[in-house]
Amino acid sequence: MKYRYLLTPVLACCCTLFACKKSEGTLTPVIRSSFSFSARDTSISFPVDLAFIQDVSNTQTTLISGQYADTSSKTGSISLRVIGDTTGRYRGDSLLVTYVDASGRSFHNTKDSSNFAQIDKFPKKSGSLVSGSFDCHVVNGTDSIRLSGGSFSAAFQD
């Protein structure tokens, strides 16, 4: 009977240690996507960034897009479409850029020879990151914008 009072805290301590046993499961890496650039001296960043391989008229293309979440009150988006699905620098007819500003106006890239999208990493595994950089001049009628210092890291969707 006198050991009963001593045994209760010891059993409670053992139960606590057993309940706090370290999990031996594997950790799932957190994928951090980003899409940022400057337009008219304003830094712009989109939190929802995805990359897809798509066939367009029997041509394999890669679409890399950035936008706000559907639940956001902010508007705007950007998409870079390149002809191909590998790393490298895309320009000229191999590049199509569409930028929608905060007021909903749509801009498209010009044939400016300095426009480019550079894909540095393209693992082609669902959930992995496609990353690179871009710099592009886009127009809407007579209005034009330089999208400069652009970088992206977008989750690949298989």
N, C-alpha and C. Protein backbone atom coordinates (compact mmCIF):
# COMPACT_ATOMS: atom_id res chain seq x y z
N MET A 1 0.81 -1.19 0.00
CA MET A 1 0.00 0.00 0.00
C MET A 1 0.86 1.26 0.00
N LYS A 2 2.00 1.23 0.75
CA LYS A 2 2.80 2.43 0.79
C LYS A 2 3.51 2.67 -0.55
N TYR A 3 3.70 1.63 -1.39
CA TYR A 3 4.30 1.81 -2.70
C TYR A 3 3.32 2.34 -3.75
N ARG A 4 2.04 2.27 -3.44
CA ARG A 4 1.00 2.72 -4.37
C ARG A 4 1.15 4.20 -4.69
N TYR A 5 1.47 5.02 -3.70
CA TYR A 5 1.63 6.45 -3.91
C TYR A 5 2.89 6.76 -4.72
N LEU A 6 3.90 5.93 -4.63
CA LEU A 6 5.12 6.09 -5.40
C LEU A 6 4.94 5.55 -6.82
N LEU A 7 4.17 4.50 -6.99
CA LEU A 7 3.97 3.87 -8.28
C LEU A 7 3.15 4.74 -9.24
N THR A 8 2.18 5.48 -8.74
CA THR A 8 1.32 6.31 -9.59
C THR A 8 2.12 7.36 -10.37
N PRO A 9 3.01 8.16 -9.75
CA PRO A 9 3.78 9.13 -10.54
C PRO A 9 4.74 8.48 -11.52
N VAL A 10 5.29 7.32 -11.16
CA VAL A 10 6.21 6.63 -12.06
C VAL A 10 5.44 6.15 -13.30
N LEU A 11 4.27 5.57 -13.12
CA LEU A 11 3.44 5.14 -14.26
C LEU A 11 3.00 6.32 -15.12
N ALA A 12 2.66 7.42 -14.49
CA ALA A 12 2.26 8.62 -15.23
C ALA A 12 3.42 9.14 -16.08
N CYS A 13 4.62 9.12 -15.53
CA CYS A 13 5.81 9.57 -16.26
C CYS A 13 6.08 8.64 -17.45
N CYS A 14 5.97 7.33 -17.25
CA CYS A 14 6.18 6.37 -18.34
C CYS A 14 5.16 6.56 -19.45
N CYS A 15 3.91 6.78 -19.07
CA CYS A 15 2.85 7.00 -20.08
C CYS A 15 3.13 8.27 -20.87
N THR A 16 3.59 9.31 -20.19
CA THR A 16 3.89 10.57 -20.87
C THR A 16 5.04 10.39 -21.85
N LEU A 17 6.09 9.70 -21.44
CA LEU A 17 7.22 9.45 -22.34
C LEU A 17 6.81 8.62 -23.53
N PHE A 18 5.97 7.62 -23.34
CA PHE A 18 5.50 6.78 -24.44
C PHE A 18 4.67 7.61 -25.42
N ALA A 19 3.82 8.49 -24.91
CA ALA A 19 2.97 9.31 -25.76
C ALA A 19 3.79 10.33 -26.55
N CYS A 20 4.94 10.73 -26.04
CA CYS A 20 5.77 11.72 -26.70
C CYS A 20 6.84 11.10 -27.58
N LYS A 21 6.73 9.82 -27.86
CA LYS A 21 7.73 9.15 -28.68
C LYS A 21 7.83 9.83 -30.05
N LYS A 22 9.04 10.01 -30.52
CA LYS A 22 9.30 10.69 -31.78
C LYS A 22 8.75 9.88 -32.95
N SER A 23 8.10 10.54 -33.87
CA SER A 23 7.57 9.89 -35.05
C SER A 23 8.71 9.53 -36.00
N GLU A 24 8.61 8.38 -36.62
CA GLU A 24 9.65 7.96 -37.54
C GLU A 24 9.21 8.11 -38.98
N GLY A 25 8.15 8.87 -39.24
CA GLY A 25 7.68 9.10 -40.60
C GLY A 25 8.62 10.04 -41.34
N THR A 26 8.46 10.10 -42.65
CA THR A 26 9.30 11.00 -43.43
C THR A 26 8.64 12.35 -43.52
N LEU A 27 9.45 13.37 -43.61
CA LEU A 27 8.95 14.73 -43.74
C LEU A 27 8.69 15.05 -45.20
N THR A 28 7.60 15.71 -45.46
CA THR A 28 7.29 16.14 -46.81
C THR A 28 7.86 17.54 -47.01
N PRO A 29 8.69 17.75 -48.04
CA PRO A 29 9.27 19.07 -48.22
C PRO A 29 8.20 20.10 -48.59
N VAL A 30 8.39 21.30 -48.12
CA VAL A 30 7.48 22.40 -48.44
C VAL A 30 7.98 23.06 -49.72
N ILE A 31 7.12 23.14 -50.72
CA ILE A 31 7.51 23.75 -51.98
C ILE A 31 7.13 25.22 -51.95
N ARG A 32 8.09 26.06 -52.19
CA ARG A 32 7.88 27.51 -52.17
C ARG A 32 7.94 28.04 -53.60
N SER A 33 6.80 28.42 -54.12
CA SER A 33 6.79 28.99 -55.46
C SER A 33 6.78 30.51 -55.35
N SER A 34 7.23 31.15 -56.41
CA SER A 34 7.25 32.61 -56.44
C SER A 34 7.27 33.08 -57.89
N PHE A 35 6.73 34.24 -58.11
CA PHE A 35 6.75 34.86 -59.44
C PHE A 35 6.81 36.35 -59.18
N SER A 36 7.94 36.97 -59.44
CA SER A 36 8.07 38.39 -59.14
C SER A 36 8.82 39.11 -60.25
N PHE A 37 8.53 40.42 -60.37
CA PHE A 37 9.16 41.27 -61.38
C PHE A 37 8.83 42.71 -61.05
N SER A 38 9.42 43.63 -61.80
CA SER A 38 9.13 45.05 -61.65
C SER A 38 8.43 45.55 -62.90
N ALA A 39 7.44 46.39 -62.71
CA ALA A 39 6.72 47.02 -63.82
C ALA A 39 6.44 48.47 -63.42
N ARG A 40 6.97 49.39 -64.19
CA ARG A 40 6.80 50.82 -63.90
C ARG A 40 7.22 51.17 -62.47
N ASP A 41 8.40 50.73 -62.09
CA ASP A 41 8.98 50.99 -60.77
C ASP A 41 8.15 50.44 -59.61
N THR A 42 7.33 49.45 -59.87
CA THR A 42 6.53 48.80 -58.84
C THR A 42 6.89 47.32 -58.81
N SER A 43 7.16 46.80 -57.63
CA SER A 43 7.44 45.37 -57.49
C SER A 43 6.12 44.61 -57.46
N ILE A 44 6.04 43.56 -58.26
CA ILE A 44 4.84 42.75 -58.35
C ILE A 44 5.21 41.30 -58.04
N SER A 45 4.37 40.65 -57.25
CA SER A 45 4.61 39.27 -56.88
C SER A 45 3.27 38.53 -56.86
N PHE A 46 3.24 37.38 -57.49
CA PHE A 46 2.03 36.55 -57.51
C PHE A 46 2.24 35.32 -56.64
N PRO A 47 1.30 35.01 -55.74
CA PRO A 47 1.48 33.88 -54.82
C PRO A 47 1.11 32.51 -55.38
N VAL A 48 0.34 32.43 -56.44
CA VAL A 48 -0.06 31.14 -57.01
C VAL A 48 0.67 30.98 -58.34
N ASP A 49 1.64 30.06 -58.38
CA ASP A 49 2.51 29.93 -59.53
C ASP A 49 2.61 28.47 -59.96
N LEU A 50 2.28 28.20 -61.22
CA LEU A 50 2.23 26.83 -61.73
C LEU A 50 2.91 26.73 -63.08
N ALA A 51 3.40 25.54 -63.42
CA ALA A 51 3.99 25.27 -64.73
C ALA A 51 3.36 24.01 -65.30
N PHE A 52 3.05 24.03 -66.60
CA PHE A 52 2.40 22.92 -67.28
C PHE A 52 3.08 22.69 -68.63
N ILE A 53 3.08 21.45 -69.09
CA ILE A 53 3.42 21.15 -70.48
C ILE A 53 2.10 20.96 -71.20
N GLN A 54 1.93 21.68 -72.33
CA GLN A 54 0.68 21.60 -73.09
C GLN A 54 0.98 21.47 -74.58
N ASP A 55 0.12 20.74 -75.28
CA ASP A 55 0.21 20.68 -76.74
C ASP A 55 -0.71 21.73 -77.31
N VAL A 56 -0.16 22.56 -78.18
CA VAL A 56 -0.94 23.59 -78.87
C VAL A 56 -0.72 23.39 -80.36
N SER A 57 -1.76 23.02 -81.08
CA SER A 57 -1.67 22.76 -82.52
C SER A 57 -0.50 21.85 -82.86
N ASN A 58 -0.42 20.72 -82.21
CA ASN A 58 0.62 19.71 -82.42
C ASN A 58 2.03 20.20 -82.07
N THR A 59 2.13 21.27 -81.30
CA THR A 59 3.43 21.77 -80.85
C THR A 59 3.47 21.70 -79.33
N GLN A 60 4.53 21.12 -78.80
CA GLN A 60 4.63 21.02 -77.34
C GLN A 60 5.15 22.34 -76.78
N THR A 61 4.39 22.89 -75.84
CA THR A 61 4.76 24.16 -75.22
C THR A 61 4.78 23.99 -73.70
N THR A 62 5.40 24.96 -73.05
CA THR A 62 5.40 25.03 -71.59
C THR A 62 4.74 26.33 -71.20
N LEU A 63 3.78 26.26 -70.30
CA LEU A 63 3.10 27.43 -69.78
C LEU A 63 3.49 27.60 -68.32
N ILE A 64 4.03 28.77 -68.00
CA ILE A 64 4.39 29.11 -66.62
C ILE A 64 3.55 30.32 -66.26
N SER A 65 2.73 30.20 -65.21
CA SER A 65 1.80 31.27 -64.90
C SER A 65 1.88 31.69 -63.44
N GLY A 66 1.57 32.95 -63.23
CA GLY A 66 1.49 33.51 -61.88
C GLY A 66 0.21 34.29 -61.75
N GLN A 67 -0.46 34.16 -60.61
CA GLN A 67 -1.72 34.87 -60.40
C GLN A 67 -2.02 34.95 -58.92
N TYR A 68 -3.05 35.68 -58.58
CA TYR A 68 -3.51 35.73 -57.19
C TYR A 68 -4.48 34.58 -56.96
N ALA A 69 -4.64 34.19 -55.72
CA ALA A 69 -5.58 33.13 -55.38
C ALA A 69 -7.00 33.55 -55.75
N ASP A 70 -7.86 32.57 -56.05
CA ASP A 70 -9.25 32.87 -56.40
C ASP A 70 -9.96 33.62 -55.29
N THR A 71 -9.55 33.43 -54.07
CA THR A 71 -10.20 34.09 -52.94
C THR A 71 -9.68 35.51 -52.70
N SER A 72 -8.68 35.93 -53.45
CA SER A 72 -8.09 37.27 -53.28
C SER A 72 -8.93 38.32 -53.99
N SER A 73 -8.96 39.51 -53.42
CA SER A 73 -9.65 40.62 -54.07
C SER A 73 -8.74 41.31 -55.09
N LYS A 74 -7.45 40.97 -55.10
CA LYS A 74 -6.51 41.55 -56.05
C LYS A 74 -6.69 40.90 -57.42
N THR A 75 -6.42 41.67 -58.45
CA THR A 75 -6.50 41.15 -59.81
C THR A 75 -5.14 41.27 -60.48
N GLY A 76 -4.97 40.55 -61.57
CA GLY A 76 -3.74 40.58 -62.33
C GLY A 76 -3.18 39.17 -62.47
N SER A 77 -2.38 38.99 -63.52
CA SER A 77 -1.75 37.69 -63.75
C SER A 77 -0.65 37.85 -64.79
N ILE A 78 0.14 36.83 -64.89
CA ILE A 78 1.17 36.79 -65.94
C ILE A 78 1.30 35.36 -66.42
N SER A 79 1.56 35.20 -67.70
CA SER A 79 1.83 33.86 -68.22
C SER A 79 2.96 33.97 -69.23
N LEU A 80 3.88 33.02 -69.13
CA LEU A 80 4.97 32.89 -70.09
C LEU A 80 4.76 31.57 -70.79
N ARG A 81 4.62 31.60 -72.10
CA ARG A 81 4.49 30.36 -72.87
C ARG A 81 5.71 30.28 -73.78
N VAL A 82 6.39 29.14 -73.71
CA VAL A 82 7.56 28.94 -74.56
C VAL A 82 7.34 27.68 -75.40
N ILE A 83 7.90 27.67 -76.59
CA ILE A 83 7.81 26.50 -77.45
C ILE A 83 8.95 25.58 -77.06
N GLY A 84 8.58 24.49 -76.43
CA GLY A 84 9.56 23.51 -75.95
C GLY A 84 9.26 23.13 -74.52
N ASP A 85 10.05 22.20 -74.00
CA ASP A 85 9.85 21.74 -72.64
C ASP A 85 11.19 21.37 -71.99
N THR A 86 12.19 22.20 -72.25
CA THR A 86 13.51 21.97 -71.68
C THR A 86 14.06 23.27 -71.11
N THR A 87 15.20 23.15 -70.44
CA THR A 87 15.87 24.35 -69.96
C THR A 87 16.46 25.10 -71.16
N GLY A 88 16.71 26.38 -70.96
CA GLY A 88 17.30 27.18 -72.02
C GLY A 88 16.69 28.57 -72.07
N ARG A 89 17.20 29.37 -73.00
CA ARG A 89 16.72 30.75 -73.18
C ARG A 89 15.78 30.79 -74.37
N TYR A 90 14.59 31.34 -74.14
CA TYR A 90 13.57 31.44 -75.18
C TYR A 90 13.36 32.91 -75.53
N ARG A 91 13.26 33.18 -76.82
CA ARG A 91 13.04 34.56 -77.29
C ARG A 91 12.38 34.52 -78.66
N GLY A 92 12.03 35.68 -79.18
CA GLY A 92 11.44 35.76 -80.51
C GLY A 92 10.14 35.01 -80.62
N ASP A 93 10.00 34.22 -81.69
CA ASP A 93 8.77 33.47 -81.94
C ASP A 93 8.58 32.30 -80.98
N SER A 94 9.58 31.99 -80.17
CA SER A 94 9.48 30.89 -79.20
C SER A 94 8.93 31.35 -77.86
N LEU A 95 8.53 32.63 -77.77
CA LEU A 95 8.09 33.20 -76.50
C LEU A 95 6.81 34.01 -76.68
N LEU A 96 5.83 33.74 -75.83
CA LEU A 96 4.60 34.52 -75.79
C LEU A 96 4.35 34.90 -74.33
N VAL A 97 4.30 36.19 -74.06
CA VAL A 97 4.06 36.69 -72.71
C VAL A 97 2.73 37.43 -72.70
N THR A 98 1.89 37.13 -71.72
CA THR A 98 0.64 37.84 -71.51
C THR A 98 0.62 38.33 -70.07
N TYR A 99 0.45 39.63 -69.92
CA TYR A 99 0.40 40.24 -68.59
C TYR A 99 -0.92 40.99 -68.44
N VAL A 100 -1.65 40.73 -67.37
CA VAL A 100 -2.89 41.44 -67.06
C VAL A 100 -2.61 42.28 -65.82
N ASP A 101 -2.73 43.61 -65.96
CA ASP A 101 -2.42 44.49 -64.84
C ASP A 101 -3.58 44.56 -63.84
N ALA A 102 -3.39 45.33 -62.78
CA ALA A 102 -4.38 45.40 -61.69
C ALA A 102 -5.72 45.97 -62.15
N SER A 103 -5.73 46.75 -63.24
CA SER A 103 -7.00 47.29 -63.74
C SER A 103 -7.66 46.37 -64.76
N GLY A 104 -7.05 45.20 -65.03
CA GLY A 104 -7.66 44.23 -65.93
C GLY A 104 -7.25 44.38 -67.39
N ARG A 105 -6.33 45.30 -67.71
CA ARG A 105 -5.88 45.48 -69.10
C ARG A 105 -4.86 44.40 -69.45
N SER A 106 -5.00 43.82 -70.63
CA SER A 106 -4.14 42.74 -71.09
C SER A 106 -3.03 43.28 -71.99
N PHE A 107 -1.79 42.87 -71.72
CA PHE A 107 -0.62 43.27 -72.49
C PHE A 107 0.04 42.02 -73.06
N HIS A 108 0.65 42.15 -74.25
CA HIS A 108 1.34 41.02 -74.89
C HIS A 108 2.74 41.46 -75.30
N ASN A 109 3.64 40.50 -75.37
CA ASN A 109 5.01 40.85 -75.71
C ASN A 109 5.14 41.34 -77.15
N THR A 110 6.18 42.10 -77.38
CA THR A 110 6.50 42.61 -78.70
C THR A 110 7.58 41.73 -79.31
N LYS A 111 8.00 42.04 -80.49
CA LYS A 111 9.08 41.31 -81.16
C LYS A 111 10.45 41.89 -80.79
N ASP A 112 10.49 42.66 -79.71
CA ASP A 112 11.74 43.25 -79.21
C ASP A 112 12.78 42.15 -79.03
N SER A 113 13.94 42.33 -79.63
CA SER A 113 14.97 41.28 -79.58
C SER A 113 15.57 41.08 -78.19
N SER A 114 15.33 42.02 -77.27
CA SER A 114 15.87 41.85 -75.92
C SER A 114 14.93 41.05 -75.00
N ASN A 115 13.72 40.74 -75.46
CA ASN A 115 12.78 39.94 -74.67
C ASN A 115 13.32 38.51 -74.51
N PHE A 116 13.20 37.96 -73.31
CA PHE A 116 13.61 36.57 -73.11
C PHE A 116 12.93 35.97 -71.89
N ALA A 117 12.89 34.65 -71.88
CA ALA A 117 12.54 33.86 -70.70
C ALA A 117 13.59 32.77 -70.62
N GLN A 118 14.24 32.68 -69.47
CA GLN A 118 15.30 31.70 -69.26
C GLN A 118 14.80 30.66 -68.26
N ILE A 119 14.73 29.39 -68.67
CA ILE A 119 14.35 28.32 -67.76
C ILE A 119 15.64 27.63 -67.33
N ASP A 120 15.94 27.72 -66.04
CA ASP A 120 17.17 27.16 -65.49
C ASP A 120 17.00 25.74 -64.97
N LYS A 121 15.84 25.46 -64.36
CA LYS A 121 15.56 24.12 -63.82
C LYS A 121 14.20 23.67 -64.31
N PHE A 122 14.14 22.42 -64.79
CA PHE A 122 12.87 21.87 -65.28
C PHE A 122 12.87 20.37 -65.02
N PRO A 123 12.61 19.95 -63.75
CA PRO A 123 12.69 18.53 -63.40
C PRO A 123 11.58 17.64 -63.96
N LYS A 124 10.47 18.19 -64.40
CA LYS A 124 9.35 17.43 -64.99
C LYS A 124 8.82 16.34 -64.06
N LYS A 125 8.78 16.64 -62.79
CA LYS A 125 8.22 15.73 -61.79
C LYS A 125 7.13 16.50 -61.06
N SER A 126 5.95 15.94 -60.98
CA SER A 126 4.83 16.63 -60.36
C SER A 126 5.19 17.16 -58.97
N GLY A 127 4.94 18.44 -58.77
CA GLY A 127 5.23 19.08 -57.49
C GLY A 127 6.61 19.68 -57.40
N SER A 128 7.51 19.35 -58.33
CA SER A 128 8.85 19.93 -58.30
C SER A 128 8.80 21.36 -58.86
N LEU A 129 9.88 22.09 -58.68
CA LEU A 129 9.89 23.49 -59.09
C LEU A 129 10.58 23.71 -60.43
N VAL A 130 9.90 24.46 -61.29
CA VAL A 130 10.46 24.94 -62.54
C VAL A 130 10.89 26.37 -62.25
N SER A 131 12.16 26.70 -62.48
CA SER A 131 12.62 28.03 -62.12
C SER A 131 13.42 28.69 -63.23
N GLY A 132 13.47 30.01 -63.15
CA GLY A 132 14.21 30.77 -64.15
C GLY A 132 14.00 32.26 -63.99
N SER A 133 14.23 32.98 -65.08
CA SER A 133 14.13 34.43 -65.07
C SER A 133 13.56 34.93 -66.39
N PHE A 134 13.18 36.20 -66.42
CA PHE A 134 12.66 36.78 -67.65
C PHE A 134 12.78 38.30 -67.62
N ASP A 135 12.71 38.89 -68.79
CA ASP A 135 12.70 40.34 -68.97
C ASP A 135 11.98 40.57 -70.29
N CYS A 136 10.96 41.41 -70.30
CA CYS A 136 10.13 41.52 -71.50
C CYS A 136 9.43 42.87 -71.60
N HIS A 137 9.30 43.34 -72.81
CA HIS A 137 8.55 44.54 -73.12
C HIS A 137 7.17 44.09 -73.62
N VAL A 138 6.09 44.57 -72.97
CA VAL A 138 4.73 44.20 -73.36
C VAL A 138 3.94 45.45 -73.74
N VAL A 139 2.95 45.27 -74.62
CA VAL A 139 2.17 46.42 -75.10
C VAL A 139 0.67 46.11 -75.07
N ASN A 140 -0.10 47.20 -75.00
CA ASN A 140 -1.55 47.18 -75.13
C ASN A 140 -1.89 48.43 -75.93
N GLY A 141 -2.04 48.28 -77.24
CA GLY A 141 -2.27 49.45 -78.09
C GLY A 141 -1.04 50.35 -78.07
N THR A 142 -1.22 51.59 -77.61
CA THR A 142 -0.09 52.53 -77.54
C THR A 142 0.59 52.52 -76.18
N ASP A 143 0.01 51.85 -75.19
CA ASP A 143 0.58 51.77 -73.86
C ASP A 143 1.56 50.60 -73.79
N SER A 144 2.70 50.81 -73.17
CA SER A 144 3.68 49.73 -73.06
C SER A 144 4.28 49.71 -71.65
N ILE A 145 4.74 48.54 -71.27
CA ILE A 145 5.34 48.33 -69.95
C ILE A 145 6.57 47.43 -70.13
N ARG A 146 7.62 47.73 -69.38
CA ARG A 146 8.79 46.85 -69.34
C ARG A 146 8.68 46.00 -68.07
N LEU A 147 8.60 44.69 -68.22
CA LEU A 147 8.60 43.76 -67.10
C LEU A 147 10.07 43.36 -66.90
N SER A 148 10.68 43.87 -65.86
CA SER A 148 12.12 43.67 -65.71
C SER A 148 12.48 42.95 -64.42
N GLY A 149 13.66 42.35 -64.42
CA GLY A 149 14.15 41.64 -63.25
C GLY A 149 13.25 40.50 -62.81
N GLY A 150 12.58 39.88 -63.75
CA GLY A 150 11.62 38.83 -63.41
C GLY A 150 12.28 37.53 -63.02
N SER A 151 11.67 36.87 -62.05
CA SER A 151 12.11 35.53 -61.66
C SER A 151 10.88 34.69 -61.32
N PHE A 152 11.00 33.40 -61.53
CA PHE A 152 9.89 32.50 -61.20
C PHE A 152 10.42 31.20 -60.64
N SER A 153 9.61 30.60 -59.83
CA SER A 153 9.83 29.28 -59.28
C SER A 153 8.43 28.70 -59.12
N ALA A 154 8.01 27.95 -60.11
CA ALA A 154 6.62 27.49 -60.19
C ALA A 154 6.51 25.98 -60.04
N ALA A 155 5.48 25.54 -59.34
CA ALA A 155 5.26 24.11 -59.13
C ALA A 155 4.82 23.44 -60.43
N PHE A 156 5.51 22.38 -60.83
CA PHE A 156 5.18 21.66 -62.05
C PHE A 156 3.95 20.79 -61.82
N GLN A 157 2.99 20.89 -62.74
CA GLN A 157 1.76 20.10 -62.70
C GLN A 157 1.81 19.08 -63.81
N ASP A 158 1.79 17.82 -63.46
CA ASP A 158 1.89 16.74 -64.45
C ASP A 158 0.58 16.53 -65.15
